[in-house]
Amino acid sequence: MRKAITISGALLLCLIMVAGCGDDDKKPTNSLTPVPTSLVATWWFNSATKNGNPIPYDSLNFNSSGVDQSLVLTTNHTWSLIEYDNSANPVYTSSGTFTTDNNWIHIKVLLENGSPADPDDTSSSQWSATSTQLTITNTIVFDQQTITIISIYDKE
């Protein structure tokens, strides 16, 4: 009888081990929403407004010589931004990852000028795009004031 219980216990243990050997080693699937094709491009800064008032070109990179900016959005959820002076020299760079959710784009900055960015450097903005133009609308509340910045980019 003792031998039968031992064999039954061993069989039960084997069944438990075999049941635990399922196909759980599969790679996880990519749960990111595909990037809308209308968003994927190289975009060049056209204009921006803050609460409806134009923001001058020289405010792009926080110095008076900033005249241009390119923004690249890719299908693999990465982005990069380069700001140029009036001699087409890069004066500021940043890059990171992004996701989209309907008309929202959620951006995480990973690098600024080649150095790691603040881990909390994220933003969410509404976006819309035509075949030639991208509009990004970012509304923030700062010091009890609502600020809406609308940036317009033209497709390369």
C-alpha atoms as a PDB file:
ATOM      1  CA  MET A   1       0.000   0.000   0.000  1.00  0.00           C
ATOM      2  CA  ARG A   2       2.813   2.344   0.891  1.00  0.00           C
ATOM      3  CA  LYS A   3       4.419   1.651  -2.501  1.00  0.00           C
ATOM      4  CA  ALA A   4       1.123   2.514  -4.284  1.00  0.00           C
ATOM      5  CA  ILE A   5       0.858   5.839  -2.419  1.00  0.00           C
ATOM      6  CA  THR A   6       4.484   6.665  -3.239  1.00  0.00           C
ATOM      7  CA  ILE A   7       3.942   5.855  -6.924  1.00  0.00           C
ATOM      8  CA  SER A   8       0.690   7.865  -6.966  1.00  0.00           C
ATOM      9  CA  GLY A   9       2.473  10.801  -5.334  1.00  0.00           C
ATOM     10  CA  ALA A  10       5.317  10.598  -7.840  1.00  0.00           C
ATOM     11  CA  LEU A  11       2.833  10.470 -10.744  1.00  0.00           C
ATOM     12  CA  LEU A  12       0.948  13.463  -9.348  1.00  0.00           C
ATOM     13  CA  LEU A  13       4.215  15.381  -8.988  1.00  0.00           C
ATOM     14  CA  CYS A  14       5.162  14.522 -12.593  1.00  0.00           C
ATOM     15  CA  LEU A  15       1.749  15.673 -13.846  1.00  0.00           C
ATOM     16  CA  ILE A  16       2.119  18.987 -12.016  1.00  0.00           C
ATOM     17  CA  MET A  17       5.605  19.492 -13.480  1.00  0.00           C
ATOM     18  CA  VAL A  18       4.442  18.614 -17.009  1.00  0.00           C
ATOM     19  CA  ALA A  19       1.450  20.953 -16.697  1.00  0.00           C
ATOM     20  CA  GLY A  20       3.834  23.732 -15.708  1.00  0.00           C
ATOM     21  CA  CYS A  21       5.912  23.218 -18.842  1.00  0.00           C
ATOM     22  CA  GLY A  22       3.485  24.988 -21.138  1.00  0.00           C
ATOM     23  CA  ASP A  23       4.507  27.261 -23.971  1.00  0.00           C
ATOM     24  CA  ASP A  24       5.068  30.293 -21.744  1.00  0.00           C
ATOM     25  CA  ASP A  25       8.456  31.098 -23.254  1.00  0.00           C
ATOM     26  CA  LYS A  26       6.934  32.951 -26.198  1.00  0.00           C
ATOM     27  CA  LYS A  27       8.188  36.470 -26.749  1.00  0.00           C
ATOM     28  CA  PRO A  28       5.684  39.101 -25.672  1.00  0.00           C
ATOM     29  CA  THR A  29       3.741  40.718 -28.464  1.00  0.00           C
ATOM     30  CA  ASN A  30       4.151  44.404 -29.183  1.00  0.00           C
ATOM     31  CA  SER A  31       1.134  46.048 -27.610  1.00  0.00           C
ATOM     32  CA  LEU A  32       1.929  49.522 -28.953  1.00  0.00           C
ATOM     33  CA  THR A  33      -0.653  51.033 -31.246  1.00  0.00           C
ATOM     34  CA  PRO A  34       0.852  51.358 -34.736  1.00  0.00           C
ATOM     35  CA  VAL A  35       1.964  54.887 -35.575  1.00  0.00           C
ATOM     36  CA  PRO A  36      -0.505  56.537 -37.965  1.00  0.00           C
ATOM     37  CA  THR A  37       1.088  56.878 -41.406  1.00  0.00           C
ATOM     38  CA  SER A  38       0.071  60.546 -41.588  1.00  0.00           C
ATOM     39  CA  LEU A  39       2.377  61.233 -38.626  1.00  0.00           C
ATOM     40  CA  VAL A  40       5.484  59.485 -39.980  1.00  0.00           C
ATOM     41  CA  ALA A  41       7.738  62.002 -41.739  1.00  0.00           C
ATOM     42  CA  THR A  42      10.406  64.633 -41.399  1.00  0.00           C
ATOM     43  CA  TRP A  43       8.626  67.825 -40.391  1.00  0.00           C
ATOM     44  CA  TRP A  44      10.052  71.362 -40.532  1.00  0.00           C
ATOM     45  CA  PHE A  45       8.965  74.069 -38.123  1.00  0.00           C
ATOM     46  CA  ASN A  46       6.644  76.627 -39.701  1.00  0.00           C
ATOM     47  CA  SER A  47       5.171  78.671 -36.850  1.00  0.00           C
ATOM     48  CA  ALA A  48       3.955  78.607 -33.273  1.00  0.00           C
ATOM     49  CA  THR A  49       1.547  80.547 -31.123  1.00  0.00           C
ATOM     50  CA  LYS A  50       1.215  80.898 -27.361  1.00  0.00           C
ATOM     51  CA  ASN A  51      -2.360  81.666 -26.330  1.00  0.00           C
ATOM     52  CA  GLY A  52      -2.958  82.923 -29.880  1.00  0.00           C
ATOM     53  CA  ASN A  53       0.093  85.209 -30.024  1.00  0.00           C
ATOM     54  CA  PRO A  54       2.905  84.382 -32.475  1.00  0.00           C
ATOM     55  CA  ILE A  55       6.110  83.008 -30.965  1.00  0.00           C
ATOM     56  CA  PRO A  56       9.157  84.347 -32.854  1.00  0.00           C
ATOM     57  CA  TYR A  57      11.586  81.983 -34.576  1.00  0.00           C
ATOM     58  CA  ASP A  58      14.415  83.029 -32.261  1.00  0.00           C
ATOM     59  CA  SER A  59      12.665  81.399 -29.302  1.00  0.00           C
ATOM     60  CA  LEU A  60      13.220  77.897 -30.662  1.00  0.00           C
ATOM     61  CA  ASN A  61      16.534  77.109 -29.051  1.00  0.00           C
ATOM     62  CA  PHE A  62      16.611  79.798 -26.402  1.00  0.00           C
ATOM     63  CA  ASN A  63      19.011  82.041 -28.283  1.00  0.00           C
ATOM     64  CA  SER A  64      18.587  84.801 -30.833  1.00  0.00           C
ATOM     65  CA  SER A  65      20.133  82.865 -33.720  1.00  0.00           C
ATOM     66  CA  GLY A  66      17.635  79.988 -33.811  1.00  0.00           C
ATOM     67  CA  VAL A  67      15.973  79.898 -37.188  1.00  0.00           C
ATOM     68  CA  ASP A  68      14.893  76.355 -37.994  1.00  0.00           C
ATOM     69  CA  GLN A  69      13.838  73.060 -36.467  1.00  0.00           C
ATOM     70  CA  SER A  70      13.312  69.563 -37.852  1.00  0.00           C
ATOM     71  CA  LEU A  71      11.200  66.899 -36.195  1.00  0.00           C
ATOM     72  CA  VAL A  72      11.407  63.270 -37.343  1.00  0.00           C
ATOM     73  CA  LEU A  73       8.682  60.815 -36.306  1.00  0.00           C
ATOM     74  CA  THR A  74       9.196  57.138 -37.221  1.00  0.00           C
ATOM     75  CA  THR A  75       7.089  53.993 -37.468  1.00  0.00           C
ATOM     76  CA  ASN A  76       9.062  52.382 -34.617  1.00  0.00           C
ATOM     77  CA  HIS A  77       7.838  54.941 -32.050  1.00  0.00           C
ATOM     78  CA  THR A  78      11.024  57.029 -31.966  1.00  0.00           C
ATOM     79  CA  TRP A  79      11.428  60.725 -32.610  1.00  0.00           C
ATOM     80  CA  SER A  80      14.276  63.194 -32.942  1.00  0.00           C
ATOM     81  CA  LEU A  81      14.401  66.961 -33.036  1.00  0.00           C
ATOM     82  CA  ILE A  82      17.209  69.236 -34.209  1.00  0.00           C
ATOM     83  CA  GLU A  83      17.259  73.019 -33.939  1.00  0.00           C
ATOM     84  CA  TYR A  84      19.581  74.951 -36.244  1.00  0.00           C
ATOM     85  CA  ASP A  85      21.118  78.419 -36.189  1.00  0.00           C
ATOM     86  CA  ASN A  86      21.002  80.736 -39.205  1.00  0.00           C
ATOM     87  CA  SER A  87      24.092  79.004 -40.651  1.00  0.00           C
ATOM     88  CA  ALA A  88      22.332  75.590 -40.535  1.00  0.00           C
ATOM     89  CA  ASN A  89      24.516  74.410 -37.639  1.00  0.00           C
ATOM     90  CA  PRO A  90      22.762  72.198 -35.073  1.00  0.00           C
ATOM     91  CA  VAL A  91      22.490  74.037 -31.758  1.00  0.00           C
ATOM     92  CA  TYR A  92      20.107  71.742 -29.876  1.00  0.00           C
ATOM     93  CA  THR A  93      19.109  68.082 -30.214  1.00  0.00           C
ATOM     94  CA  SER A  94      16.676  65.865 -28.391  1.00  0.00           C
ATOM     95  CA  SER A  95      15.247  62.428 -29.010  1.00  0.00           C
ATOM     96  CA  GLY A  96      13.154  59.733 -27.433  1.00  0.00           C
ATOM     97  CA  THR A  97      10.095  57.585 -27.838  1.00  0.00           C
ATOM     98  CA  PHE A  98       6.420  58.244 -28.373  1.00  0.00           C
ATOM     99  CA  THR A  99       3.062  56.534 -28.467  1.00  0.00           C
ATOM    100  CA  THR A 100      -0.225  57.631 -29.944  1.00  0.00           C
ATOM    101  CA  ASP A 101      -3.757  57.241 -28.702  1.00  0.00           C
ATOM    102  CA  ASN A 102      -6.315  58.542 -31.192  1.00  0.00           C
ATOM    103  CA  ASN A 103      -5.456  62.234 -31.626  1.00  0.00           C
ATOM    104  CA  TRP A 104      -3.005  62.315 -28.696  1.00  0.00           C
ATOM    105  CA  ILE A 105       0.761  61.915 -28.895  1.00  0.00           C
ATOM    106  CA  HIS A 106       2.632  61.014 -25.694  1.00  0.00           C
ATOM    107  CA  ILE A 107       6.319  61.900 -25.852  1.00  0.00           C
ATOM    108  CA  LYS A 108       9.190  60.753 -23.623  1.00  0.00           C
ATOM    109  CA  VAL A 109      12.507  62.571 -23.938  1.00  0.00           C
ATOM    110  CA  LEU A 110      15.485  60.219 -23.527  1.00  0.00           C
ATOM    111  CA  LEU A 111      18.393  62.415 -24.696  1.00  0.00           C
ATOM    112  CA  GLU A 112      19.052  66.158 -24.785  1.00  0.00           C
ATOM    113  CA  ASN A 113      22.189  67.318 -26.575  1.00  0.00           C
ATOM    114  CA  GLY A 114      23.533  63.770 -26.271  1.00  0.00           C
ATOM    115  CA  SER A 115      23.067  63.509 -22.499  1.00  0.00           C
ATOM    116  CA  PRO A 116      20.387  61.548 -20.652  1.00  0.00           C
ATOM    117  CA  ALA A 117      17.253  63.607 -20.103  1.00  0.00           C
ATOM    118  CA  ASP A 118      15.333  63.943 -16.864  1.00  0.00           C
ATOM    119  CA  PRO A 119      13.420  60.650 -16.388  1.00  0.00           C
ATOM    120  CA  ASP A 120      10.208  62.629 -15.868  1.00  0.00           C
ATOM    121  CA  ASP A 121      10.575  64.585 -19.124  1.00  0.00           C
ATOM    122  CA  THR A 122       7.315  63.573 -20.765  1.00  0.00           C
ATOM    123  CA  SER A 123       4.454  65.415 -22.404  1.00  0.00           C
ATOM    124  CA  SER A 124       1.118  64.729 -24.013  1.00  0.00           C
ATOM    125  CA  SER A 125      -0.289  66.845 -26.815  1.00  0.00           C
ATOM    126  CA  GLN A 126      -3.099  66.690 -29.300  1.00  0.00           C
ATOM    127  CA  TRP A 127      -2.079  66.310 -32.925  1.00  0.00           C
ATOM    128  CA  SER A 128      -3.622  66.468 -36.361  1.00  0.00           C
ATOM    129  CA  ALA A 129      -1.985  66.034 -39.742  1.00  0.00           C
ATOM    130  CA  THR A 130      -2.761  66.506 -43.389  1.00  0.00           C
ATOM    131  CA  SER A 131      -0.586  65.245 -46.219  1.00  0.00           C
ATOM    132  CA  THR A 132       1.566  68.385 -45.899  1.00  0.00           C
ATOM    133  CA  GLN A 133       1.145  69.830 -42.405  1.00  0.00           C
ATOM    134  CA  LEU A 134       1.337  68.701 -38.759  1.00  0.00           C
ATOM    135  CA  THR A 135      -0.310  70.631 -35.929  1.00  0.00           C
ATOM    136  CA  ILE A 136       0.640  69.910 -32.312  1.00  0.00           C
ATOM    137  CA  THR A 137      -1.433  71.534 -29.569  1.00  0.00           C
ATOM    138  CA  ASN A 138      -0.087  71.465 -26.026  1.00  0.00           C
ATOM    139  CA  THR A 139      -2.112  72.924 -23.165  1.00  0.00           C
ATOM    140  CA  ILE A 140      -0.475  73.236 -19.757  1.00  0.00           C
ATOM    141  CA  VAL A 141      -1.354  74.914 -16.490  1.00  0.00           C
ATOM    142  CA  PHE A 142       1.574  76.820 -15.021  1.00  0.00           C
ATOM    143  CA  ASP A 143       1.414  79.100 -11.990  1.00  0.00           C
ATOM    144  CA  GLN A 144      -2.404  78.979 -12.114  1.00  0.00           C
ATOM    145  CA  GLN A 145      -2.439  80.094 -15.765  1.00  0.00           C
ATOM    146  CA  THR A 146      -3.521  77.999 -18.721  1.00  0.00           C
ATOM    147  CA  ILE A 147      -1.046  78.167 -21.587  1.00  0.00           C
ATOM    148  CA  THR A 148      -1.855  76.767 -25.020  1.00  0.00           C
ATOM    149  CA  ILE A 149       0.996  76.400 -27.487  1.00  0.00           C
ATOM    150  CA  ILE A 150       0.158  75.444 -31.065  1.00  0.00           C
ATOM    151  CA  SER A 151       3.097  74.426 -33.268  1.00  0.00           C
ATOM    152  CA  ILE A 152       2.761  74.031 -37.036  1.00  0.00           C
ATOM    153  CA  TYR A 153       5.204  71.889 -39.044  1.00  0.00           C
ATOM    154  CA  ASP A 154       5.454  71.404 -42.806  1.00  0.00           C
ATOM    155  CA  LYS A 155       6.269  68.027 -44.319  1.00  0.00           C
ATOM    156  CA  GLU A 156       9.654  67.723 -46.016  1.00  0.00           C
END
